[in-house]
Amino acid sequence: NKPPALTSDGASTALIDTVRKAAESNSLSIATETLLPATAEATLPHASLQIKLSGPFPGIVRLLFELQKPGAWRTIDRL
């Protein structure tokens, strides 16, 4: 399955929305978020987001698992 075709801005917006919803559903609050400039490599857009979370450790684990679902087509490079 191919990921949905998005522009760089669309990828950034989708990333922010996804992370915010996942944080909220896991009882986490986002202390800070920094959206890095979006880029397009080959035919796929890339977006990077740095966040600082606060909340219970199990919520952070669930958030990371939720973001790494194979169908989500996202990767977490560094923690």
PDB file of N, CA and C in Angstrom:
ATOM      1  N   ASN A   1       0.833  -1.184   0.000  1.00  0.00           N
ATOM      2  CA  ASN A   1       0.000   0.000   0.000  1.00  0.00           C
ATOM      3  C   ASN A   1       0.873   1.241   0.000  1.00  0.00           C
ATOM      4  N   LYS A   2       0.564   2.157  -0.881  1.00  0.00           N
ATOM      5  CA  LYS A   2       1.293   3.408  -0.928  1.00  0.00           C
ATOM      6  C   LYS A   2       0.722   4.380   0.106  1.00  0.00           C
ATOM      7  N   PRO A   3       1.586   5.226   0.680  1.00  0.00           N
ATOM      8  CA  PRO A   3       1.062   6.257   1.575  1.00  0.00           C
ATOM      9  C   PRO A   3       0.300   7.290   0.763  1.00  0.00           C
ATOM     10  N   PRO A   4      -0.618   8.015   1.402  1.00  0.00           N
ATOM     11  CA  PRO A   4      -1.370   9.025   0.657  1.00  0.00           C
ATOM     12  C   PRO A   4      -0.442  10.115   0.138  1.00  0.00           C
ATOM     13  N   ALA A   5      -0.732  10.624  -1.049  1.00  0.00           N
ATOM     14  CA  ALA A   5       0.076  11.690  -1.647  1.00  0.00           C
ATOM     15  C   ALA A   5      -0.265  13.019  -0.974  1.00  0.00           C
ATOM     16  N   LEU A   6       0.733  13.635  -0.369  1.00  0.00           N
ATOM     17  CA  LEU A   6       0.553  14.909   0.307  1.00  0.00           C
ATOM     18  C   LEU A   6       1.636  15.874  -0.140  1.00  0.00           C
ATOM     19  N   THR A   7       1.347  17.161  -0.060  1.00  0.00           N
ATOM     20  CA  THR A   7       2.381  18.163  -0.257  1.00  0.00           C
ATOM     21  C   THR A   7       3.211  18.230   1.018  1.00  0.00           C
ATOM     22  N   SER A   8       4.317  18.943   0.978  1.00  0.00           N
ATOM     23  CA  SER A   8       5.138  19.083   2.183  1.00  0.00           C
ATOM     24  C   SER A   8       4.346  19.747   3.301  1.00  0.00           C
ATOM     25  N   ASP A   9       3.568  20.780   2.966  1.00  0.00           N
ATOM     26  CA  ASP A   9       2.741  21.444   3.985  1.00  0.00           C
ATOM     27  C   ASP A   9       1.659  20.510   4.504  1.00  0.00           C
ATOM     28  N   GLY A  10       1.079  19.732   3.614  1.00  0.00           N
ATOM     29  CA  GLY A  10       0.055  18.773   4.025  1.00  0.00           C
ATOM     30  C   GLY A  10       0.623  17.708   4.945  1.00  0.00           C
ATOM     31  N   ALA A  11       1.864  17.269   4.669  1.00  0.00           N
ATOM     32  CA  ALA A  11       2.514  16.270   5.514  1.00  0.00           C
ATOM     33  C   ALA A  11       2.776  16.849   6.902  1.00  0.00           C
ATOM     34  N   SER A  12       3.213  18.098   6.965  1.00  0.00           N
ATOM     35  CA  SER A  12       3.472  18.747   8.250  1.00  0.00           C
ATOM     36  C   SER A  12       2.199  18.877   9.066  1.00  0.00           C
ATOM     37  N   THR A  13       1.125  19.311   8.426  1.00  0.00           N
ATOM     38  CA  THR A  13      -0.158  19.471   9.106  1.00  0.00           C
ATOM     39  C   THR A  13      -0.678  18.124   9.601  1.00  0.00           C
ATOM     40  N   ALA A  14      -0.583  17.108   8.775  1.00  0.00           N
ATOM     41  CA  ALA A  14      -1.046  15.776   9.170  1.00  0.00           C
ATOM     42  C   ALA A  14      -0.240  15.240  10.343  1.00  0.00           C
ATOM     43  N   LEU A  15       1.069  15.488  10.330  1.00  0.00           N
ATOM     44  CA  LEU A  15       1.927  15.024  11.423  1.00  0.00           C
ATOM     45  C   LEU A  15       1.543  15.690  12.737  1.00  0.00           C
ATOM     46  N   ILE A  16       1.378  17.002  12.723  1.00  0.00           N
ATOM     47  CA  ILE A  16       1.002  17.728  13.939  1.00  0.00           C
ATOM     48  C   ILE A  16      -0.348  17.244  14.458  1.00  0.00           C
ATOM     49  N   ASP A  17      -1.328  17.128  13.571  1.00  0.00           N
ATOM     50  CA  ASP A  17      -2.661  16.675  13.990  1.00  0.00           C
ATOM     51  C   ASP A  17      -2.616  15.277  14.590  1.00  0.00           C
ATOM     52  N   THR A  18      -1.872  14.378  13.956  1.00  0.00           N
ATOM     53  CA  THR A  18      -1.781  13.002  14.433  1.00  0.00           C
ATOM     54  C   THR A  18      -1.152  12.935  15.820  1.00  0.00           C
ATOM     55  N   VAL A  19      -0.056  13.664  16.009  1.00  0.00           N
ATOM     56  CA  VAL A  19       0.638  13.630  17.298  1.00  0.00           C
ATOM     57  C   VAL A  19      -0.218  14.266  18.385  1.00  0.00           C
ATOM     58  N   ARG A  20      -0.874  15.373  18.073  1.00  0.00           N
ATOM     59  CA  ARG A  20      -1.735  16.020  19.077  1.00  0.00           C
ATOM     60  C   ARG A  20      -2.877  15.112  19.506  1.00  0.00           C
ATOM     61  N   LYS A  21      -3.530  14.464  18.540  1.00  0.00           N
ATOM     62  CA  LYS A  21      -4.637  13.559  18.868  1.00  0.00           C
ATOM     63  C   LYS A  21      -4.155  12.363  19.679  1.00  0.00           C
ATOM     64  N   ALA A  22      -3.002  11.809  19.289  1.00  0.00           N
ATOM     65  CA  ALA A  22      -2.466  10.657  20.015  1.00  0.00           C
ATOM     66  C   ALA A  22      -2.082  11.052  21.442  1.00  0.00           C
ATOM     67  N   ALA A  23      -1.500  12.224  21.609  1.00  0.00           N
ATOM     68  CA  ALA A  23      -1.131  12.680  22.952  1.00  0.00           C
ATOM     69  C   ALA A  23      -2.375  12.876  23.811  1.00  0.00           C
ATOM     70  N   GLU A  24      -3.384  13.508  23.249  1.00  0.00           N
ATOM     71  CA  GLU A  24      -4.623  13.752  23.991  1.00  0.00           C
ATOM     72  C   GLU A  24      -5.295  12.442  24.386  1.00  0.00           C
ATOM     73  N   SER A  25      -5.335  11.485  23.481  1.00  0.00           N
ATOM     74  CA  SER A  25      -6.013  10.223  23.780  1.00  0.00           C
ATOM     75  C   SER A  25      -5.255   9.390  24.814  1.00  0.00           C
ATOM     76  N   ASN A  26      -3.974   9.696  25.042  1.00  0.00           N
ATOM     77  CA  ASN A  26      -3.176   8.963  26.022  1.00  0.00           C
ATOM     78  C   ASN A  26      -2.896   9.780  27.280  1.00  0.00           C
ATOM     79  N   SER A  27      -3.697  10.822  27.512  1.00  0.00           N
ATOM     80  CA  SER A  27      -3.602  11.672  28.702  1.00  0.00           C
ATOM     81  C   SER A  27      -2.241  12.338  28.854  1.00  0.00           C
ATOM     82  N   LEU A  28      -1.676  12.767  27.745  1.00  0.00           N
ATOM     83  CA  LEU A  28      -0.397  13.458  27.754  1.00  0.00           C
ATOM     84  C   LEU A  28      -0.604  14.902  27.346  1.00  0.00           C
ATOM     85  N   SER A  29       0.266  15.756  27.824  1.00  0.00           N
ATOM     86  CA  SER A  29       0.216  17.145  27.381  1.00  0.00           C
ATOM     87  C   SER A  29       1.530  17.468  26.681  1.00  0.00           C
ATOM     88  N   ILE A  30       1.431  18.277  25.644  1.00  0.00           N
ATOM     89  CA  ILE A  30       2.602  18.678  24.872  1.00  0.00           C
ATOM     90  C   ILE A  30       3.109  19.985  25.461  1.00  0.00           C
ATOM     91  N   ALA A  31       4.318  19.929  26.033  1.00  0.00           N
ATOM     92  CA  ALA A  31       4.909  21.122  26.648  1.00  0.00           C
ATOM     93  C   ALA A  31       5.410  22.073  25.565  1.00  0.00           C
ATOM     94  N   THR A  32       6.128  21.549  24.600  1.00  0.00           N
ATOM     95  CA  THR A  32       6.597  22.351  23.465  1.00  0.00           C
ATOM     96  C   THR A  32       6.567  21.504  22.208  1.00  0.00           C
ATOM     97  N   GLU A  33       6.388  22.166  21.100  1.00  0.00           N
ATOM     98  CA  GLU A  33       6.474  21.478  19.811  1.00  0.00           C
ATOM     99  C   GLU A  33       7.151  22.409  18.818  1.00  0.00           C
ATOM    100  N   THR A  34       8.046  21.846  18.028  1.00  0.00           N
ATOM    101  CA  THR A  34       8.773  22.604  17.027  1.00  0.00           C
ATOM    102  C   THR A  34       8.662  21.866  15.709  1.00  0.00           C
ATOM    103  N   LEU A  35       8.054  22.498  14.745  1.00  0.00           N
ATOM    104  CA  LEU A  35       7.925  21.911  13.421  1.00  0.00           C
ATOM    105  C   LEU A  35       9.119  22.343  12.594  1.00  0.00           C
ATOM    106  N   LEU A  36       9.890  21.376  12.137  1.00  0.00           N
ATOM    107  CA  LEU A  36      11.057  21.668  11.321  1.00  0.00           C
ATOM    108  C   LEU A  36      10.631  21.806   9.867  1.00  0.00           C
ATOM    109  N   PRO A  37      11.412  22.491   9.040  1.00  0.00           N
ATOM    110  CA  PRO A  37      11.019  22.690   7.638  1.00  0.00           C
ATOM    111  C   PRO A  37      10.762  21.370   6.923  1.00  0.00           C
ATOM    112  N   ALA A  38       9.682  21.331   6.174  1.00  0.00           N
ATOM    113  CA  ALA A  38       9.313  20.132   5.425  1.00  0.00           C
ATOM    114  C   ALA A  38      10.173  20.033   4.172  1.00  0.00           C
ATOM    115  N   THR A  39      10.456  18.806   3.769  1.00  0.00           N
ATOM    116  CA  THR A  39      11.227  18.562   2.557  1.00  0.00           C
ATOM    117  C   THR A  39      10.545  17.484   1.739  1.00  0.00           C
ATOM    118  N   ALA A  40      10.893  17.420   0.480  1.00  0.00           N
ATOM    119  CA  ALA A  40      10.362  16.364  -0.382  1.00  0.00           C
ATOM    120  C   ALA A  40      11.538  15.608  -0.971  1.00  0.00           C
ATOM    121  N   GLU A  41      11.624  14.333  -0.664  1.00  0.00           N
ATOM    122  CA  GLU A  41      12.656  13.479  -1.224  1.00  0.00           C
ATOM    123  C   GLU A  41      11.983  12.484  -2.140  1.00  0.00           C
ATOM    124  N   ALA A  42      12.550  12.348  -3.324  1.00  0.00           N
ATOM    125  CA  ALA A  42      11.963  11.486  -4.355  1.00  0.00           C
ATOM    126  C   ALA A  42      10.533  11.946  -4.592  1.00  0.00           C
ATOM    127  N   THR A  43       9.571  11.108  -4.295  1.00  0.00           N
ATOM    128  CA  THR A  43       8.175  11.492  -4.522  1.00  0.00           C
ATOM    129  C   THR A  43       7.391  11.637  -3.230  1.00  0.00           C
ATOM    130  N   LEU A  44       8.062  11.451  -2.094  1.00  0.00           N
ATOM    131  CA  LEU A  44       7.350  11.488  -0.817  1.00  0.00           C
ATOM    132  C   LEU A  44       7.750  12.703  -0.001  1.00  0.00           C
ATOM    133  N   PRO A  45       6.778  13.400   0.588  1.00  0.00           N
ATOM    134  CA  PRO A  45       7.109  14.532   1.453  1.00  0.00           C
ATOM    135  C   PRO A  45       7.580  14.040   2.824  1.00  0.00           C
ATOM    136  N   HIS A  46       8.448  14.810   3.455  1.00  0.00           N
ATOM    137  CA  HIS A  46       8.943  14.485   4.787  1.00  0.00           C
ATOM    138  C   HIS A  46       8.660  15.663   5.697  1.00  0.00           C
ATOM    139  N   ALA A  47       8.240  15.357   6.887  1.00  0.00           N
ATOM    140  CA  ALA A  47       8.009  16.394   7.890  1.00  0.00           C
ATOM    141  C   ALA A  47       8.643  15.931   9.191  1.00  0.00           C
ATOM    142  N   SER A  48       9.199  16.875   9.934  1.00  0.00           N
ATOM    143  CA  SER A  48       9.829  16.553  11.213  1.00  0.00           C
ATOM    144  C   SER A  48       9.226  17.416  12.303  1.00  0.00           C
ATOM    145  N   LEU A  49       8.977  16.794  13.422  1.00  0.00           N
ATOM    146  CA  LEU A  49       8.376  17.477  14.554  1.00  0.00           C
ATOM    147  C   LEU A  49       9.135  17.083  15.812  1.00  0.00           C
ATOM    148  N   GLN A  50       9.573  18.080  16.573  1.00  0.00           N
ATOM    149  CA  GLN A  50      10.188  17.824  17.866  1.00  0.00           C
ATOM    150  C   GLN A  50       9.183  18.220  18.930  1.00  0.00           C
ATOM    151  N   ILE A  51       8.946  17.315  19.896  1.00  0.00           N
ATOM    152  CA  ILE A  51       7.984  17.619  20.959  1.00  0.00           C
ATOM    153  C   ILE A  51       8.564  17.240  22.311  1.00  0.00           C
ATOM    154  N   LYS A  52       8.087  17.934  23.325  1.00  0.00           N
ATOM    155  CA  LYS A  52       8.368  17.569  24.710  1.00  0.00           C
ATOM    156  C   LYS A  52       7.024  17.245  25.336  1.00  0.00           C
ATOM    157  N   LEU A  53       6.923  16.041  25.859  1.00  0.00           N
ATOM    158  CA  LEU A  53       5.679  15.562  26.442  1.00  0.00           C
ATOM    159  C   LEU A  53       5.768  15.528  27.957  1.00  0.00           C
ATOM    160  N   SER A  54       4.630  15.680  28.593  1.00  0.00           N
ATOM    161  CA  SER A  54       4.557  15.451  30.031  1.00  0.00           C
ATOM    162  C   SER A  54       3.325  14.611  30.304  1.00  0.00           C
ATOM    163  N   GLY A  55       3.490  13.681  31.220  1.00  0.00           N
ATOM    164  CA  GLY A  55       2.401  12.788  31.567  1.00  0.00           C
ATOM    165  C   GLY A  55       2.947  11.463  32.058  1.00  0.00           C
ATOM    166  N   PRO A  56       2.066  10.522  32.312  1.00  0.00           N
ATOM    167  CA  PRO A  56       2.498   9.232  32.848  1.00  0.00           C
ATOM    168  C   PRO A  56       3.280   8.425  31.808  1.00  0.00           C
ATOM    169  N   PHE A  57       4.285   7.683  32.292  1.00  0.00           N
ATOM    170  CA  PHE A  57       5.126   6.885  31.403  1.00  0.00           C
ATOM    171  C   PHE A  57       4.322   5.902  30.550  1.00  0.00           C
ATOM    172  N   PRO A  58       3.333   5.188  31.118  1.00  0.00           N
ATOM    173  CA  PRO A  58       2.555   4.274  30.268  1.00  0.00           C
ATOM    174  C   PRO A  58       1.871   4.994  29.101  1.00  0.00           C
ATOM    175  N   GLY A  59       1.467   6.243  29.295  1.00  0.00           N
ATOM    176  CA  GLY A  59       0.865   7.014  28.214  1.00  0.00           C
ATOM    177  C   GLY A  59       1.855   7.297  27.101  1.00  0.00           C
ATOM    178  N   ILE A  60       3.098   7.557  27.468  1.00  0.00           N
ATOM    179  CA  ILE A  60       4.132   7.799  26.463  1.00  0.00           C
ATOM    180  C   ILE A  60       4.410   6.524  25.668  1.00  0.00           C
ATOM    181  N   VAL A  61       4.445   5.397  26.351  1.00  0.00           N
ATOM    182  CA  VAL A  61       4.655   4.122  25.671  1.00  0.00           C
ATOM    183  C   VAL A  61       3.522   3.860  24.678  1.00  0.00           C
ATOM    184  N   ARG A  62       2.277   4.082  25.111  1.00  0.00           N
ATOM    185  CA  ARG A  62       1.141   3.872  24.211  1.00  0.00           C
ATOM    186  C   ARG A  62       1.192   4.825  23.019  1.00  0.00           C
ATOM    187  N   LEU A  63       1.600   6.078  23.260  1.00  0.00           N
ATOM    188  CA  LEU A  63       1.711   7.053  22.169  1.00  0.00           C
ATOM    189  C   LEU A  63       2.734   6.582  21.148  1.00  0.00           C
ATOM    190  N   LEU A  64       3.907   6.153  21.599  1.00  0.00           N
ATOM    191  CA  LEU A  64       4.939   5.692  20.675  1.00  0.00           C
ATOM    192  C   LEU A  64       4.479   4.476  19.888  1.00  0.00           C
ATOM    193  N   PHE A  65       3.799   3.544  20.557  1.00  0.00           N
ATOM    194  CA  PHE A  65       3.285   2.371  19.858  1.00  0.00           C
ATOM    195  C   PHE A  65       2.251   2.780  18.812  1.00  0.00           C
ATOM    196  N   GLU A  66       1.372   3.702  19.181  1.00  0.00           N
ATOM    197  CA  GLU A  66       0.340   4.168  18.264  1.00  0.00           C
ATOM    198  C   GLU A  66       0.945   4.837  17.025  1.00  0.00           C
ATOM    199  N   LEU A  67       1.995   5.614  17.206  1.00  0.00           N
ATOM    200  CA  LEU A  67       2.622   6.305  16.078  1.00  0.00           C
ATOM    201  C   LEU A  67       3.435   5.372  15.196  1.00  0.00           C
ATOM    202  N   GLN A  68       3.827   4.224  15.707  1.00  0.00           N
ATOM    203  CA  GLN A  68       4.637   3.283  14.944  1.00  0.00           C
ATOM    204  C   GLN A  68       3.819   2.200  14.241  1.00  0.00           C
ATOM    205  N   LYS A  69       2.488   2.293  14.264  1.00  0.00           N
ATOM    206  CA  LYS A  69       1.676   1.283  13.598  1.00  0.00           C
ATOM    207  C   LYS A  69       2.099   1.174  12.134  1.00  0.00           C
ATOM    208  N   PRO A  70       2.237  -0.027  11.611  1.00  0.00           N
ATOM    209  CA  PRO A  70       2.681  -0.167  10.215  1.00  0.00           C
ATOM    210  C   PRO A  70       1.803   0.583   9.220  1.00  0.00           C
ATOM    211  N   GLY A  71       0.524   0.661   9.454  1.00  0.00           N
ATOM    212  CA  GLY A  71      -0.364   1.364   8.529  1.00  0.00           C
ATOM    213  C   GLY A  71      -0.253   2.870   8.585  1.00  0.00           C
ATOM    214  N   ALA A  72       0.455   3.377   9.575  1.00  0.00           N
ATOM    215  CA  ALA A  72       0.558   4.831   9.732  1.00  0.00           C
ATOM    216  C   ALA A  72       1.635   5.431   8.835  1.00  0.00           C
ATOM    217  N   TRP A  73       2.593   4.616   8.380  1.00  0.00           N
ATOM    218  CA  TRP A  73       3.655   5.078   7.483  1.00  0.00           C
ATOM    219  C   TRP A  73       4.464   6.217   8.094  1.00  0.00           C
ATOM    220  N   ARG A  74       4.775   6.077   9.361  1.00  0.00           N
ATOM    221  CA  ARG A  74       5.624   7.062  10.032  1.00  0.00           C
ATOM    222  C   ARG A  74       6.742   6.314  10.710  1.00  0.00           C
ATOM    223  N   THR A  75       7.870   6.989  10.910  1.00  0.00           N
ATOM    224  CA  THR A  75       8.954   6.408  11.679  1.00  0.00           C
ATOM    225  C   THR A  75       9.409   7.403  12.724  1.00  0.00           C
ATOM    226  N   ILE A  76       9.905   6.877  13.813  1.00  0.00           N
ATOM    227  CA  ILE A  76      10.496   7.707  14.848  1.00  0.00           C
ATOM    228  C   ILE A  76      11.990   7.391  14.832  1.00  0.00           C
ATOM    229  N   ASP A  77      12.775   8.375  14.378  1.00  0.00           N
ATOM    230  CA  ASP A  77      14.205   8.153  14.228  1.00  0.00           C
ATOM    231  C   ASP A  77      14.957   8.255  15.538  1.00  0.00           C
ATOM    232  N   ARG A  78      14.612   9.250  16.347  1.00  0.00           N
ATOM    233  CA  ARG A  78      15.342   9.459  17.596  1.00  0.00           C
ATOM    234  C   ARG A  78      14.362   9.798  18.705  1.00  0.00           C
ATOM    235  N   LEU A  79      14.732   9.407  19.920  1.00  0.00           N
ATOM    236  CA  LEU A  79      13.971   9.795  21.102  1.00  0.00           C
ATOM    237  C   LEU A  79      14.835  10.659  21.972  1.00  0.00           C
TER     238      LEU A  79
END
